């Protein structure tokens, strides 16, 4: 197992107005799966290409277990890429595709056959070694591509949005399969995705990227529930931000008045936020209640999205599906529970 360390990485493409990576630093622990998450063009895939040797950084270091890999030839780095498409060799059988890297490394036919059988069992497709890629579904092809990547036991597995082109049920099934296999083999893995749900389901930690840097890195549940800054909060679905002055358990907003808070040690001007699923809607007034009017109710299956007009603002609350769908114009109390209000930079 291998620890991967990025130290002060910079990268600017020709004719670009700004660097795609700007003093980027991150450590991926041995055996860990870390997802790189962020909007398109933020440098996520570039980082994988730098590890694989497809691109070179303008500055900084990439280390495997404390040793720089930048002077090592790409085919000697033992980092394997898995792309959005399987890119299987159409003229080879499934078994020959999986065994390709083993053949290059000089394994005997008997060893190749044994390892191919082991990998097919691991990916849940035993006995298909003699089939051709065009006889497989898209999900099966991706499983075979995963087996081909893992059979040589690389130090690092690089996943570049490998499930994007698949239907949702197949994608969810593969996410679970890849995560289980990665844990079983203990291979250090870096996943690039723009899909928040995918990152949360698969990752030990998520690294949210903004402006060519890591804006926040932590366990998925922590980043989702308590993102540290406004940019990352917006990315994980937070829309409600309140600016004001905090003092001794209260928070005073010029727009919404006085609210109770739990961060009593925070004093001075601050910005607080709350996730949409933590906002409550009811008829009765209570602590941290704000009078509003329903603008719209949208049934989304697992939840109801309620849009409420508060002064000049429209606030969105995500309520359990069992809640009543209220008509537009209905007066309500919007509750911002103090235990769910958190401070952001």
C-alpha atoms as a PDB file:
ATOM      1  CA  UNK A   1       0.000   0.000   0.000  1.00  0.00           C
ATOM      2  CA  UNK A   2       1.187   3.493  -0.876  1.00  0.00           C
ATOM      3  CA  UNK A   3       0.822   7.020   0.500  1.00  0.00           C
ATOM      4  CA  UNK A   4       0.513   9.664  -2.220  1.00  0.00           C
ATOM      5  CA  UNK A   5       1.591  13.223  -1.410  1.00  0.00           C
ATOM      6  CA  UNK A   6       1.069  16.328  -3.541  1.00  0.00           C
ATOM      7  CA  UNK A   7       3.235  19.251  -2.408  1.00  0.00           C
ATOM      8  CA  UNK A   8       2.760  22.777  -3.818  1.00  0.00           C
ATOM      9  CA  UNK A   9       1.745  21.545  -7.279  1.00  0.00           C
ATOM     10  CA  UNK A  10       1.279  24.192  -9.969  1.00  0.00           C
ATOM     11  CA  UNK A  11       0.174  23.704 -13.562  1.00  0.00           C
ATOM     12  CA  UNK A  12      -0.771  26.186 -16.270  1.00  0.00           C
ATOM     13  CA  UNK A  13      -1.802  25.146 -19.761  1.00  0.00           C
ATOM     14  CA  UNK A  14      -0.621  27.173 -22.798  1.00  0.00           C
ATOM     15  CA  UNK A  15      -2.867  30.145 -23.621  1.00  0.00           C
ATOM     16  CA  UNK A  16      -4.780  29.716 -20.340  1.00  0.00           C
ATOM     17  CA  UNK A  17      -5.679  32.870 -18.425  1.00  0.00           C
ATOM     18  CA  UNK A  18      -5.014  31.286 -15.038  1.00  0.00           C
ATOM     19  CA  UNK A  19      -3.296  28.192 -13.625  1.00  0.00           C
ATOM     20  CA  UNK A  20      -5.467  25.096 -13.428  1.00  0.00           C
ATOM     21  CA  UNK A  21      -3.557  24.067 -10.291  1.00  0.00           C
ATOM     22  CA  UNK A  22      -2.163  26.714  -7.968  1.00  0.00           C
ATOM     23  CA  UNK A  23      -0.064  25.616  -4.966  1.00  0.00           C
ATOM     24  CA  UNK A  24      -2.104  22.417  -4.616  1.00  0.00           C
ATOM     25  CA  UNK A  25      -1.199  20.217  -1.641  1.00  0.00           C
ATOM     26  CA  UNK A  26      -2.858  17.041  -0.395  1.00  0.00           C
ATOM     27  CA  UNK A  27      -1.907  13.715   1.178  1.00  0.00           C
ATOM     28  CA  UNK A  28      -3.761  10.482   0.383  1.00  0.00           C
ATOM     29  CA  UNK A  29      -3.058   7.891   3.042  1.00  0.00           C
ATOM     30  CA  UNK A  30      -2.076   4.306   2.263  1.00  0.00           C
ATOM     31  CA  UNK A  31      -5.126   2.197   1.357  1.00  0.00           C
ATOM     32  CA  UNK A  32      -7.427   5.215   1.411  1.00  0.00           C
ATOM     33  CA  UNK A  33      -9.988   6.210  -1.238  1.00  0.00           C
ATOM     34  CA  UNK A  34     -10.050   9.990  -1.641  1.00  0.00           C
ATOM     35  CA  UNK A  35     -12.350  11.725  -4.098  1.00  0.00           C
ATOM     36  CA  UNK A  36     -11.438  14.978  -5.825  1.00  0.00           C
ATOM     37  CA  UNK A  37     -14.652  16.918  -6.132  1.00  0.00           C
ATOM     38  CA  UNK A  38     -15.397  20.242  -7.752  1.00  0.00           C
ATOM     39  CA  UNK A  39     -16.793  22.012 -10.816  1.00  0.00           C
ATOM     40  CA  UNK A  40     -15.557  21.256 -14.337  1.00  0.00           C
ATOM     41  CA  UNK A  41     -12.192  22.729 -15.309  1.00  0.00           C
ATOM     42  CA  UNK A  42     -10.917  22.905 -11.740  1.00  0.00           C
ATOM     43  CA  UNK A  43      -7.922  20.585 -12.313  1.00  0.00           C
ATOM     44  CA  UNK A  44      -9.238  17.264 -10.995  1.00  0.00           C
ATOM     45  CA  UNK A  45      -8.346  15.156 -14.038  1.00  0.00           C
ATOM     46  CA  UNK A  46      -5.079  17.068 -14.462  1.00  0.00           C
ATOM     47  CA  UNK A  47      -3.929  15.736 -11.090  1.00  0.00           C
ATOM     48  CA  UNK A  48      -4.495  12.152 -12.230  1.00  0.00           C
ATOM     49  CA  UNK A  49      -2.588  12.843 -15.450  1.00  0.00           C
ATOM     50  CA  UNK A  50       0.314  14.231 -13.422  1.00  0.00           C
ATOM     51  CA  UNK A  51       0.469  11.037 -11.355  1.00  0.00           C
ATOM     52  CA  UNK A  52       0.283   8.839 -14.436  1.00  0.00           C
ATOM     53  CA  UNK A  53       2.957  10.853 -16.255  1.00  0.00           C
ATOM     54  CA  UNK A  54       0.634  11.992 -19.060  1.00  0.00           C
ATOM     55  CA  UNK A  55       1.316  15.594 -17.985  1.00  0.00           C
ATOM     56  CA  UNK A  56       4.168  17.248 -16.084  1.00  0.00           C
ATOM     57  CA  UNK A  57       3.703  19.845 -13.328  1.00  0.00           C
ATOM     58  CA  UNK A  58       5.246  23.296 -13.661  1.00  0.00           C
ATOM     59  CA  UNK A  59       6.286  23.134 -10.036  1.00  0.00           C
ATOM     60  CA  UNK A  60       5.929  21.082  -6.866  1.00  0.00           C
ATOM     61  CA  UNK A  61       6.389  17.417  -6.007  1.00  0.00           C
ATOM     62  CA  UNK A  62       4.405  14.177  -6.224  1.00  0.00           C
ATOM     63  CA  UNK A  63       5.619  11.529  -3.796  1.00  0.00           C
ATOM     64  CA  UNK A  64       4.873   7.823  -3.368  1.00  0.00           C
ATOM     65  CA  UNK A  65       5.797   6.878   0.205  1.00  0.00           C
ATOM     66  CA  UNK A  66       8.028   9.947   0.458  1.00  0.00           C
ATOM     67  CA  UNK A  67       9.903   9.339  -2.819  1.00  0.00           C
ATOM     68  CA  UNK A  68       9.404  11.603  -5.858  1.00  0.00           C
ATOM     69  CA  UNK A  69       7.942   9.881  -8.920  1.00  0.00           C
ATOM     70  CA  UNK A  70       8.442  12.779 -11.349  1.00  0.00           C
ATOM     71  CA  UNK A  71      11.739  11.419 -12.690  1.00  0.00           C
ATOM     72  CA  UNK A  72      10.322   7.896 -13.079  1.00  0.00           C
ATOM     73  CA  UNK A  73       9.051   6.825 -16.508  1.00  0.00           C
ATOM     74  CA  UNK A  74       5.230   6.651 -16.640  1.00  0.00           C
ATOM     75  CA  UNK A  75       5.195   2.892 -17.248  1.00  0.00           C
ATOM     76  CA  UNK A  76       7.358   2.365 -14.158  1.00  0.00           C
ATOM     77  CA  UNK A  77       5.209   4.318 -11.697  1.00  0.00           C
ATOM     78  CA  UNK A  78       2.726   1.502 -10.978  1.00  0.00           C
ATOM     79  CA  UNK A  79      -0.228   3.883 -11.162  1.00  0.00           C
ATOM     80  CA  UNK A  80      -3.145   2.607 -13.241  1.00  0.00           C
ATOM     81  CA  UNK A  81      -5.834   4.732 -14.903  1.00  0.00           C
ATOM     82  CA  UNK A  82      -9.491   3.709 -15.246  1.00  0.00           C
ATOM     83  CA  UNK A  83     -11.354   6.028 -17.632  1.00  0.00           C
ATOM     84  CA  UNK A  84     -15.011   6.816 -18.378  1.00  0.00           C
ATOM     85  CA  UNK A  85     -14.903   4.227 -21.166  1.00  0.00           C
ATOM     86  CA  UNK A  86     -13.565   0.708 -20.717  1.00  0.00           C
ATOM     87  CA  UNK A  87     -11.197   0.870 -23.740  1.00  0.00           C
ATOM     88  CA  UNK A  88     -10.948  -2.915 -23.956  1.00  0.00           C
ATOM     89  CA  UNK A  89      -9.070  -4.395 -26.918  1.00  0.00           C
ATOM     90  CA  UNK A  90     -11.872  -5.579 -29.236  1.00  0.00           C
ATOM     91  CA  UNK A  91      -9.672  -8.196 -30.915  1.00  0.00           C
ATOM     92  CA  UNK A  92      -8.838  -9.915 -27.606  1.00  0.00           C
ATOM     93  CA  UNK A  93     -11.028 -12.070 -25.391  1.00  0.00           C
ATOM     94  CA  UNK A  94     -12.003 -10.936 -21.883  1.00  0.00           C
ATOM     95  CA  UNK A  95      -9.302 -13.149 -20.404  1.00  0.00           C
ATOM     96  CA  UNK A  96      -6.666 -11.843 -22.809  1.00  0.00           C
ATOM     97  CA  UNK A  97      -7.666  -8.253 -21.992  1.00  0.00           C
ATOM     98  CA  UNK A  98      -7.282  -8.830 -18.261  1.00  0.00           C
ATOM     99  CA  UNK A  99      -4.000 -10.706 -18.727  1.00  0.00           C
ATOM    100  CA  UNK A 100      -2.452  -8.100 -21.031  1.00  0.00           C
ATOM    101  CA  UNK A 101      -0.411  -6.383 -18.302  1.00  0.00           C
ATOM    102  CA  UNK A 102       0.665  -9.726 -16.844  1.00  0.00           C
ATOM    103  CA  UNK A 103       1.931 -10.833 -20.253  1.00  0.00           C
ATOM    104  CA  UNK A 104       3.957  -7.620 -20.590  1.00  0.00           C
ATOM    105  CA  UNK A 105       5.475  -8.289 -17.161  1.00  0.00           C
ATOM    106  CA  UNK A 106       6.505 -11.815 -18.195  1.00  0.00           C
ATOM    107  CA  UNK A 107       4.115 -13.966 -16.180  1.00  0.00           C
ATOM    108  CA  UNK A 108       3.777 -17.550 -17.385  1.00  0.00           C
ATOM    109  CA  UNK A 109       0.575 -18.662 -19.196  1.00  0.00           C
ATOM    110  CA  UNK A 110      -0.402 -20.745 -16.152  1.00  0.00           C
ATOM    111  CA  UNK A 111       0.029 -17.806 -13.769  1.00  0.00           C
ATOM    112  CA  UNK A 112      -1.894 -15.513 -16.126  1.00  0.00           C
ATOM    113  CA  UNK A 113      -4.770 -17.976 -16.321  1.00  0.00           C
ATOM    114  CA  UNK A 114      -4.913 -18.341 -12.539  1.00  0.00           C
ATOM    115  CA  UNK A 115      -4.851 -14.595 -11.883  1.00  0.00           C
ATOM    116  CA  UNK A 116      -7.490 -13.918 -14.557  1.00  0.00           C
ATOM    117  CA  UNK A 117      -9.804 -16.461 -12.903  1.00  0.00           C
ATOM    118  CA  UNK A 118      -9.205 -14.805  -9.500  1.00  0.00           C
ATOM    119  CA  UNK A 119     -10.039 -11.347 -10.877  1.00  0.00           C
ATOM    120  CA  UNK A 120     -13.191 -12.552 -12.638  1.00  0.00           C
ATOM    121  CA  UNK A 121     -14.367 -14.013  -9.333  1.00  0.00           C
ATOM    122  CA  UNK A 122     -13.516 -10.753  -7.580  1.00  0.00           C
ATOM    123  CA  UNK A 123     -15.549  -8.608 -10.011  1.00  0.00           C
ATOM    124  CA  UNK A 124     -18.457 -11.049  -9.935  1.00  0.00           C
ATOM    125  CA  UNK A 125     -18.150 -12.293 -13.535  1.00  0.00           C
ATOM    126  CA  UNK A 126     -16.658 -15.805 -13.277  1.00  0.00           C
ATOM    127  CA  UNK A 127     -16.329 -17.935 -16.379  1.00  0.00           C
ATOM    128  CA  UNK A 128     -16.508 -15.235 -19.082  1.00  0.00           C
ATOM    129  CA  UNK A 129     -12.810 -15.266 -20.033  1.00  0.00           C
ATOM    130  CA  UNK A 130     -13.529 -16.526 -23.556  1.00  0.00           C
ATOM    131  CA  UNK A 131     -16.146 -13.918 -24.423  1.00  0.00           C
ATOM    132  CA  UNK A 132     -15.416 -10.831 -26.516  1.00  0.00           C
ATOM    133  CA  UNK A 133     -15.898  -7.245 -25.268  1.00  0.00           C
ATOM    134  CA  UNK A 134     -18.736  -6.632 -27.762  1.00  0.00           C
ATOM    135  CA  UNK A 135     -20.694  -9.433 -26.104  1.00  0.00           C
ATOM    136  CA  UNK A 136     -20.733  -7.559 -22.767  1.00  0.00           C
ATOM    137  CA  UNK A 137     -22.950  -4.803 -21.412  1.00  0.00           C
ATOM    138  CA  UNK A 138     -21.443  -1.415 -20.548  1.00  0.00           C
ATOM    139  CA  UNK A 139     -21.349  -2.275 -16.854  1.00  0.00           C
ATOM    140  CA  UNK A 140     -19.688  -5.618 -17.535  1.00  0.00           C
ATOM    141  CA  UNK A 141     -17.074  -3.935 -19.729  1.00  0.00           C
ATOM    142  CA  UNK A 142     -16.243  -1.515 -16.912  1.00  0.00           C
ATOM    143  CA  UNK A 143     -15.877  -4.425 -14.500  1.00  0.00           C
ATOM    144  CA  UNK A 144     -13.465  -6.115 -16.893  1.00  0.00           C
ATOM    145  CA  UNK A 145     -11.542  -2.827 -17.255  1.00  0.00           C
ATOM    146  CA  UNK A 146     -11.328  -2.707 -13.447  1.00  0.00           C
ATOM    147  CA  UNK A 147     -10.016  -6.274 -13.363  1.00  0.00           C
ATOM    148  CA  UNK A 148      -7.403  -5.419 -16.005  1.00  0.00           C
ATOM    149  CA  UNK A 149      -6.326  -2.432 -13.884  1.00  0.00           C
ATOM    150  CA  UNK A 150      -6.091  -4.369 -10.637  1.00  0.00           C
ATOM    151  CA  UNK A 151      -4.631  -7.697 -11.768  1.00  0.00           C
ATOM    152  CA  UNK A 152      -1.090  -6.268 -11.823  1.00  0.00           C
ATOM    153  CA  UNK A 153      -1.569  -5.004  -8.233  1.00  0.00           C
ATOM    154  CA  UNK A 154      -0.692  -1.340  -8.885  1.00  0.00           C
ATOM    155  CA  UNK A 155       0.447   0.938  -6.103  1.00  0.00           C
ATOM    156  CA  UNK A 156      -2.238   3.508  -6.956  1.00  0.00           C
ATOM    157  CA  UNK A 157      -5.584   3.256  -8.777  1.00  0.00           C
ATOM    158  CA  UNK A 158      -6.756   6.394 -10.596  1.00  0.00           C
ATOM    159  CA  UNK A 159     -10.485   6.621 -11.355  1.00  0.00           C
ATOM    160  CA  UNK A 160     -11.472   9.405 -13.778  1.00  0.00           C
ATOM    161  CA  UNK A 161     -15.286   9.555 -13.621  1.00  0.00           C
ATOM    162  CA  UNK A 162     -15.443   5.858 -14.597  1.00  0.00           C
ATOM    163  CA  UNK A 163     -19.229   5.473 -14.198  1.00  0.00           C
ATOM    164  CA  UNK A 164     -20.439   8.584 -16.031  1.00  0.00           C
ATOM    165  CA  UNK A 165     -21.650   6.870 -19.186  1.00  0.00           C
ATOM    166  CA  UNK A 166     -23.664   4.179 -17.368  1.00  0.00           C
ATOM    167  CA  UNK A 167     -27.343   4.058 -16.447  1.00  0.00           C
ATOM    168  CA  UNK A 168     -28.100   4.909 -12.825  1.00  0.00           C
ATOM    169  CA  UNK A 169     -28.821   1.340 -11.546  1.00  0.00           C
ATOM    170  CA  UNK A 170     -25.628   0.022 -13.193  1.00  0.00           C
ATOM    171  CA  UNK A 171     -23.657   3.013 -11.898  1.00  0.00           C
ATOM    172  CA  UNK A 172     -24.790   2.480  -8.300  1.00  0.00           C
ATOM    173  CA  UNK A 173     -24.018  -1.229  -8.523  1.00  0.00           C
ATOM    174  CA  UNK A 174     -20.519  -0.547  -9.858  1.00  0.00           C
ATOM    175  CA  UNK A 175     -19.813   2.106  -7.237  1.00  0.00           C
ATOM    176  CA  UNK A 176     -20.501  -0.463  -4.532  1.00  0.00           C
ATOM    177  CA  UNK A 177     -18.480  -3.156  -6.311  1.00  0.00           C
ATOM    178  CA  UNK A 178     -15.441  -0.936  -6.845  1.00  0.00           C
ATOM    179  CA  UNK A 179     -15.531   0.273  -3.247  1.00  0.00           C
ATOM    180  CA  UNK A 180     -15.733  -3.273  -1.895  1.00  0.00           C
ATOM    181  CA  UNK A 181     -12.882  -4.486  -4.132  1.00  0.00           C
ATOM    182  CA  UNK A 182     -10.738  -1.460  -3.272  1.00  0.00           C
ATOM    183  CA  UNK A 183     -11.192  -2.137   0.441  1.00  0.00           C
ATOM    184  CA  UNK A 184     -10.478  -5.838   0.030  1.00  0.00           C
ATOM    185  CA  UNK A 185      -7.238  -5.248  -1.886  1.00  0.00           C
ATOM    186  CA  UNK A 186      -6.218  -2.158   0.126  1.00  0.00           C
ATOM    187  CA  UNK A 187      -5.124  -0.203  -2.957  1.00  0.00           C
ATOM    188  CA  UNK A 188      -4.670   3.550  -2.526  1.00  0.00           C
ATOM    189  CA  UNK A 189      -7.280   5.110  -4.827  1.00  0.00           C
ATOM    190  CA  UNK A 190      -8.014   8.612  -6.102  1.00  0.00           C
ATOM    191  CA  UNK A 191     -11.452   9.182  -7.612  1.00  0.00           C
ATOM    192  CA  UNK A 192     -12.255  12.196  -9.781  1.00  0.00           C
ATOM    193  CA  UNK A 193     -15.952  13.056  -9.920  1.00  0.00           C
ATOM    194  CA  UNK A 194     -18.341  15.999 -10.066  1.00  0.00           C
ATOM    195  CA  UNK A 195     -21.115  13.846  -8.563  1.00  0.00           C
ATOM    196  CA  UNK A 196     -21.529  14.658  -4.875  1.00  0.00           C
ATOM    197  CA  UNK A 197     -23.604  11.538  -4.142  1.00  0.00           C
ATOM    198  CA  UNK A 198     -20.963   9.318  -5.756  1.00  0.00           C
ATOM    199  CA  UNK A 199     -18.163  10.952  -3.785  1.00  0.00           C
ATOM    200  CA  UNK A 200     -20.027  10.598  -0.489  1.00  0.00           C
ATOM    201  CA  UNK A 201     -20.921   6.946  -1.140  1.00  0.00           C
ATOM    202  CA  UNK A 202     -17.408   5.832  -2.097  1.00  0.00           C
ATOM    203  CA  UNK A 203     -14.894   7.990  -0.238  1.00  0.00           C
ATOM    204  CA  UNK A 204     -12.974   7.721   2.999  1.00  0.00           C
ATOM    205  CA  UNK A 205     -12.379  11.453   2.557  1.00  0.00           C
ATOM    206  CA  UNK A 206     -13.503  14.077   0.044  1.00  0.00           C
ATOM    207  CA  UNK A 207     -11.295  16.928  -1.150  1.00  0.00           C
ATOM    208  CA  UNK A 208     -13.327  19.854  -2.463  1.00  0.00           C
ATOM    209  CA  UNK A 209     -11.333  21.833  -5.016  1.00  0.00           C
ATOM    210  CA  UNK A 210     -11.792  25.534  -5.726  1.00  0.00           C
ATOM    211  CA  UNK A 211      -9.433  27.859  -7.586  1.00  0.00           C
ATOM    212  CA  UNK A 212      -6.792  25.180  -8.183  1.00  0.00           C
ATOM    213  CA  UNK A 213      -6.444  24.429  -4.465  1.00  0.00           C
ATOM    214  CA  UNK A 214      -8.044  22.233  -1.829  1.00  0.00           C
ATOM    215  CA  UNK A 215     -10.779  24.363  -0.288  1.00  0.00           C
ATOM    216  CA  UNK A 216     -11.729  21.680   2.240  1.00  0.00           C
ATOM    217  CA  UNK A 217     -10.896  18.035   2.921  1.00  0.00           C
ATOM    218  CA  UNK A 218     -12.574  15.754   5.447  1.00  0.00           C
ATOM    219  CA  UNK A 219     -14.840  12.747   5.862  1.00  0.00           C
ATOM    220  CA  UNK A 220     -17.932  12.945   3.621  1.00  0.00           C
ATOM    221  CA  UNK A 221     -20.431  13.304   6.464  1.00  0.00           C
ATOM    222  CA  UNK A 222     -18.485  16.166   8.046  1.00  0.00           C
ATOM    223  CA  UNK A 223     -18.080  18.121   4.812  1.00  0.00           C
ATOM    224  CA  UNK A 224     -21.729  17.597   3.965  1.00  0.00           C
ATOM    225  CA  UNK A 225     -23.089  18.642   7.355  1.00  0.00           C
ATOM    226  CA  UNK A 226     -20.538  21.320   8.287  1.00  0.00           C
ATOM    227  CA  UNK A 227     -18.715  22.707   5.229  1.00  0.00           C
ATOM    228  CA  UNK A 228     -16.124  25.224   6.434  1.00  0.00           C
ATOM    229  CA  UNK A 229     -16.551  28.048   3.907  1.00  0.00           C
ATOM    230  CA  UNK A 230     -19.270  29.567   1.742  1.00  0.00           C
ATOM    231  CA  UNK A 231     -17.913  28.246  -1.570  1.00  0.00           C
ATOM    232  CA  UNK A 232     -17.800  24.648  -0.397  1.00  0.00           C
ATOM    233  CA  UNK A 233     -21.148  25.013   1.379  1.00  0.00           C
ATOM    234  CA  UNK A 234     -22.804  26.044  -1.882  1.00  0.00           C
ATOM    235  CA  UNK A 235     -21.234  23.083  -3.654  1.00  0.00           C
ATOM    236  CA  UNK A 236     -22.704  20.598  -1.166  1.00  0.00           C
ATOM    237  CA  UNK A 237     -26.191  22.080  -1.456  1.00  0.00           C
ATOM    238  CA  UNK A 238     -26.380  24.818   1.167  1.00  0.00           C
ATOM    239  CA  UNK A 239     -28.315  27.890  -0.037  1.00  0.00           C
ATOM    240  CA  UNK A 240     -29.261  29.787   3.106  1.00  0.00           C
ATOM    241  CA  UNK A 241     -26.627  32.151   4.514  1.00  0.00           C
ATOM    242  CA  UNK A 242     -27.293  34.804   7.164  1.00  0.00           C
ATOM    243  CA  UNK A 243     -24.880  37.619   7.916  1.00  0.00           C
ATOM    244  CA  UNK A 244     -24.903  39.368  11.267  1.00  0.00           C
ATOM    245  CA  UNK A 245     -23.242  39.761  14.654  1.00  0.00           C
ATOM    246  CA  UNK A 246     -22.830  36.889  17.141  1.00  0.00           C
ATOM    247  CA  UNK A 247     -22.644  37.417  20.886  1.00  0.00           C
ATOM    248  CA  UNK A 248     -23.251  35.191  23.934  1.00  0.00           C
ATOM    249  CA  UNK A 249     -25.521  32.596  22.333  1.00  0.00           C
ATOM    250  CA  UNK A 250     -27.419  34.972  20.087  1.00  0.00           C
ATOM    251  CA  UNK A 251     -26.987  36.038  16.504  1.00  0.00           C
ATOM    252  CA  UNK A 252     -28.460  39.303  15.278  1.00  0.00           C
ATOM    253  CA  UNK A 253     -29.166  39.756  11.573  1.00  0.00           C
ATOM    254  CA  UNK A 254     -30.259  43.093  10.162  1.00  0.00           C
ATOM    255  CA  UNK A 255     -32.476  41.187   7.753  1.00  0.00           C
ATOM    256  CA  UNK A 256     -34.043  38.506   9.995  1.00  0.00           C
ATOM    257  CA  UNK A 257     -33.661  39.782  13.552  1.00  0.00           C
ATOM    258  CA  UNK A 258     -32.359  37.840  16.532  1.00  0.00           C
ATOM    259  CA  UNK A 259     -31.668  34.103  16.385  1.00  0.00           C
ATOM    260  CA  UNK A 260     -30.415  31.697  19.036  1.00  0.00           C
ATOM    261  CA  UNK A 261     -27.142  29.894  18.251  1.00  0.00           C
ATOM    262  CA  UNK A 262     -25.109  27.156  19.939  1.00  0.00           C
ATOM    263  CA  UNK A 263     -21.687  28.605  19.070  1.00  0.00           C
ATOM    264  CA  UNK A 264     -21.793  30.903  22.077  1.00  0.00           C
ATOM    265  CA  UNK A 265     -18.014  31.419  21.959  1.00  0.00           C
ATOM    266  CA  UNK A 266     -18.275  33.115  18.540  1.00  0.00           C
ATOM    267  CA  UNK A 267     -18.372  36.871  18.913  1.00  0.00           C
ATOM    268  CA  UNK A 268     -18.364  39.618  16.326  1.00  0.00           C
ATOM    269  CA  UNK A 269     -19.477  39.734  12.710  1.00  0.00           C
ATOM    270  CA  UNK A 270     -20.065  36.304  11.193  1.00  0.00           C
ATOM    271  CA  UNK A 271     -21.951  34.362   8.531  1.00  0.00           C
ATOM    272  CA  UNK A 272     -24.138  31.434   9.552  1.00  0.00           C
ATOM    273  CA  UNK A 273     -25.638  28.777   7.306  1.00  0.00           C
ATOM    274  CA  UNK A 274     -28.142  25.940   7.512  1.00  0.00           C
ATOM    275  CA  UNK A 275     -28.767  22.914   5.279  1.00  0.00           C
ATOM    276  CA  UNK A 276     -32.170  22.870   3.488  1.00  0.00           C
ATOM    277  CA  UNK A 277     -33.180  19.542   5.068  1.00  0.00           C
ATOM    278  CA  UNK A 278     -32.680  20.978   8.566  1.00  0.00           C
ATOM    279  CA  UNK A 279     -35.160  23.831   8.065  1.00  0.00           C
ATOM    280  CA  UNK A 280     -38.574  23.116   9.604  1.00  0.00           C
ATOM    281  CA  UNK A 281     -41.940  24.486   8.499  1.00  0.00           C
ATOM    282  CA  UNK A 282     -44.885  24.712  10.854  1.00  0.00           C
ATOM    283  CA  UNK A 283     -47.838  26.889  11.804  1.00  0.00           C
ATOM    284  CA  UNK A 284     -46.867  27.605  15.402  1.00  0.00           C
ATOM    285  CA  UNK A 285     -44.275  30.191  16.373  1.00  0.00           C
ATOM    286  CA  UNK A 286     -41.327  29.034  18.491  1.00  0.00           C
ATOM    287  CA  UNK A 287     -37.602  29.721  18.999  1.00  0.00           C
ATOM    288  CA  UNK A 288     -35.854  30.920  15.825  1.00  0.00           C
ATOM    289  CA  UNK A 289     -39.168  31.189  13.952  1.00  0.00           C
ATOM    290  CA  UNK A 290     -39.512  33.544  11.002  1.00  0.00           C
ATOM    291  CA  UNK A 291     -42.851  34.450   9.415  1.00  0.00           C
ATOM    292  CA  UNK A 292     -43.028  33.585   5.736  1.00  0.00           C
ATOM    293  CA  UNK A 293     -45.384  32.793   2.879  1.00  0.00           C
ATOM    294  CA  UNK A 294     -45.309  29.664   0.699  1.00  0.00           C
ATOM    295  CA  UNK A 295     -44.346  30.432  -2.887  1.00  0.00           C
ATOM    296  CA  UNK A 296     -44.229  26.885  -4.264  1.00  0.00           C
ATOM    297  CA  UNK A 297     -44.220  23.202  -3.242  1.00  0.00           C
ATOM    298  CA  UNK A 298     -42.494  20.595  -5.415  1.00  0.00           C
ATOM    299  CA  UNK A 299     -42.912  16.885  -4.735  1.00  0.00           C
ATOM    300  CA  UNK A 300     -39.619  15.097  -5.454  1.00  0.00           C
ATOM    301  CA  UNK A 301     -40.434  11.576  -4.262  1.00  0.00           C
ATOM    302  CA  UNK A 302     -38.154  11.181  -1.259  1.00  0.00           C
ATOM    303  CA  UNK A 303     -38.747  14.776  -0.192  1.00  0.00           C
ATOM    304  CA  UNK A 304     -40.802  17.900  -0.715  1.00  0.00           C
ATOM    305  CA  UNK A 305     -39.037  21.094  -1.758  1.00  0.00           C
ATOM    306  CA  UNK A 306     -40.868  24.054  -0.306  1.00  0.00           C
ATOM    307  CA  UNK A 307     -40.021  27.579  -1.432  1.00  0.00           C
ATOM    308  CA  UNK A 308     -40.918  30.257   1.107  1.00  0.00           C
ATOM    309  CA  UNK A 309     -40.820  34.029   0.692  1.00  0.00           C
ATOM    310  CA  UNK A 310     -39.100  35.761   3.620  1.00  0.00           C
ATOM    311  CA  UNK A 311     -39.030  39.510   3.047  1.00  0.00           C
ATOM    312  CA  UNK A 312     -37.126  39.978  -0.198  1.00  0.00           C
ATOM    313  CA  UNK A 313     -35.630  36.472  -0.151  1.00  0.00           C
ATOM    314  CA  UNK A 314     -36.866  33.044  -1.251  1.00  0.00           C
ATOM    315  CA  UNK A 315     -35.703  30.253   1.049  1.00  0.00           C
ATOM    316  CA  UNK A 316     -35.769  26.562   0.044  1.00  0.00           C
ATOM    317  CA  UNK A 317     -36.561  23.861   2.598  1.00  0.00           C
ATOM    318  CA  UNK A 318     -36.292  20.117   1.919  1.00  0.00           C
ATOM    319  CA  UNK A 319     -38.974  18.405   3.968  1.00  0.00           C
ATOM    320  CA  UNK A 320     -39.795  14.702   4.478  1.00  0.00           C
ATOM    321  CA  UNK A 321     -42.220  13.402   1.839  1.00  0.00           C
ATOM    322  CA  UNK A 322     -44.861  12.744   4.536  1.00  0.00           C
ATOM    323  CA  UNK A 323     -45.266  16.519   5.031  1.00  0.00           C
ATOM    324  CA  UNK A 324     -48.365  18.232   3.712  1.00  0.00           C
ATOM    325  CA  UNK A 325     -48.038  19.984   0.346  1.00  0.00           C
ATOM    326  CA  UNK A 326     -49.151  23.531   1.105  1.00  0.00           C
ATOM    327  CA  UNK A 327     -50.717  25.861  -1.437  1.00  0.00           C
ATOM    328  CA  UNK A 328     -49.021  29.034  -2.664  1.00  0.00           C
ATOM    329  CA  UNK A 329     -49.814  32.016  -0.455  1.00  0.00           C
ATOM    330  CA  UNK A 330     -50.129  29.964   2.748  1.00  0.00           C
ATOM    331  CA  UNK A 331     -48.586  31.754   5.777  1.00  0.00           C
ATOM    332  CA  UNK A 332     -46.086  29.606   7.709  1.00  0.00           C
ATOM    333  CA  UNK A 333     -43.405  29.781  10.346  1.00  0.00           C
ATOM    334  CA  UNK A 334     -39.905  28.945   9.100  1.00  0.00           C
ATOM    335  CA  UNK A 335     -37.842  27.396  11.917  1.00  0.00           C
ATOM    336  CA  UNK A 336     -34.037  27.551  11.872  1.00  0.00           C
ATOM    337  CA  UNK A 337     -33.084  25.173  14.727  1.00  0.00           C
ATOM    338  CA  UNK A 338     -30.094  26.535  16.608  1.00  0.00           C
ATOM    339  CA  UNK A 339     -28.369  23.125  16.705  1.00  0.00           C
ATOM    340  CA  UNK A 340     -28.238  23.147  12.892  1.00  0.00           C
ATOM    341  CA  UNK A 341     -26.951  26.690  12.384  1.00  0.00           C
ATOM    342  CA  UNK A 342     -23.213  26.635  11.699  1.00  0.00           C
ATOM    343  CA  UNK A 343     -20.643  29.289  11.009  1.00  0.00           C
ATOM    344  CA  UNK A 344     -18.859  29.547   7.644  1.00  0.00           C
ATOM    345  CA  UNK A 345     -15.866  31.549   6.510  1.00  0.00           C
END
